[in-house]
Protein backbone atom coordinates (compact mmCIF):
# COMPACT_ATOMS: atom_id res chain seq x y z
CA MET A 1 220.33 99.98 162.46
CA LYS A 2 221.99 97.22 160.45
CA ALA A 3 219.53 97.51 157.57
CA LYS A 4 220.06 101.26 157.43
CA SER A 5 223.86 100.96 157.41
CA GLY A 6 223.73 98.34 154.63
CA TRP A 7 221.56 100.65 152.55
CA HIS A 8 224.04 103.50 153.05
CA MET A 9 226.93 101.27 152.01
CA TYR A 10 225.18 100.36 148.76
CA LEU A 11 224.42 104.01 148.11
CA ILE A 12 228.00 105.09 148.73
CA ALA A 13 229.36 102.23 146.61
CA GLY A 14 227.00 103.13 143.77
CA LEU A 15 227.97 106.79 143.92
CA LEU A 16 231.67 105.95 143.89
CA ILE A 17 231.29 103.63 140.92
CA SER A 18 229.27 106.17 138.96
CA ALA A 19 231.66 109.00 139.83
CA THR A 20 234.74 107.07 138.71
CA SER A 21 233.18 105.72 135.53
CA THR A 22 231.76 108.99 134.18
CA GLY A 23 234.75 111.32 134.38
CA CYS A 24 238.01 111.73 132.47
CA LEU A 25 236.86 110.02 129.27
CA GLN A 26 236.68 111.29 125.74
CA THR A 27 233.31 110.61 124.19
CA THR A 28 231.78 110.80 120.75
CA ILE A 29 228.20 112.01 120.52
CA GLY A 30 226.55 112.56 117.16
CA GLY A 31 229.86 112.50 115.29
CA GLN A 32 231.32 115.18 117.54
CA THR A 33 234.28 114.25 119.74
CA LEU A 34 233.98 115.83 123.13
CA PRO A 35 237.15 116.40 125.18
CA SER A 36 238.33 114.62 128.25
CA ALA A 37 239.24 116.38 131.47
CA TYR A 38 242.85 116.52 130.26
CA TYR A 39 242.17 118.26 126.93
CA LEU A 40 244.54 121.12 127.80
CA ASP A 41 247.43 118.68 128.19
CA ASP A 42 246.74 116.71 124.99
CA ASP A 43 249.03 116.97 121.97
CA VAL A 44 247.58 119.02 119.13
CA GLN A 45 247.47 117.25 115.79
CA TYR A 46 248.31 119.56 112.87
CA PHE A 47 247.28 118.87 109.30
CA PRO A 48 248.92 121.20 106.75
CA LYS A 49 246.64 122.92 104.27
CA GLY A 50 246.22 120.96 101.08
CA PRO A 51 245.00 121.95 97.64
CA GLU A 52 241.46 123.24 97.36
CA GLN A 53 240.60 120.69 94.68
CA LYS A 54 241.00 117.06 95.66
CA LEU A 55 241.75 116.10 92.05
CA SER A 56 244.39 118.76 91.35
CA ARG A 57 246.87 116.31 89.75
CA GLN A 58 244.20 114.98 87.41
CA ILE A 59 243.19 118.51 86.43
CA ARG A 60 246.83 119.39 85.65
CA ALA A 61 247.24 116.19 83.61
CA LEU A 62 244.08 116.93 81.61
CA GLU A 63 245.18 120.52 80.94
CA LYS A 64 248.59 119.27 79.78
CA TYR A 65 246.92 116.70 77.53
CA LYS A 66 244.60 119.33 76.02
CA ALA A 67 247.51 121.70 75.42
CA GLU A 68 249.56 118.96 73.71
CA ARG A 69 246.57 117.91 71.62
CA GLN A 70 245.87 121.49 70.58
CA ALA A 71 249.55 122.00 69.69
CA SER A 72 249.62 118.81 67.62
CA GLN A 73 246.39 119.80 65.82
CA GLN A 74 247.82 123.23 65.02
CA GLY A 75 250.94 121.55 63.68
CA LEU A 76 248.82 119.33 61.41
CA ASP A 77 246.75 122.28 60.22
CA GLU A 78 249.86 124.28 59.28
CA SER A 79 251.44 121.40 57.37
CA SER A 80 248.26 120.54 55.45
CA GLY A 81 247.81 124.09 54.23
CA TYR A 82 244.37 124.83 55.66
């Protein structure tokens, strides 16, 4: 009887440890974050929509540069008489 009760105690202890260590945790599997048991109570993080192009400021700067360059070239062409 004592050997049987010791075996049951180890089984119950193992089940309790595995039950408490596997629940209520947020995990990442294959780059995907899976929710915890409290995902409905979590705060939602909001990221406002940004520009479609990541380099929008550089594109605007290049367009401004090209427009200024074209305007200066037209000014030179008019003054030279061509």
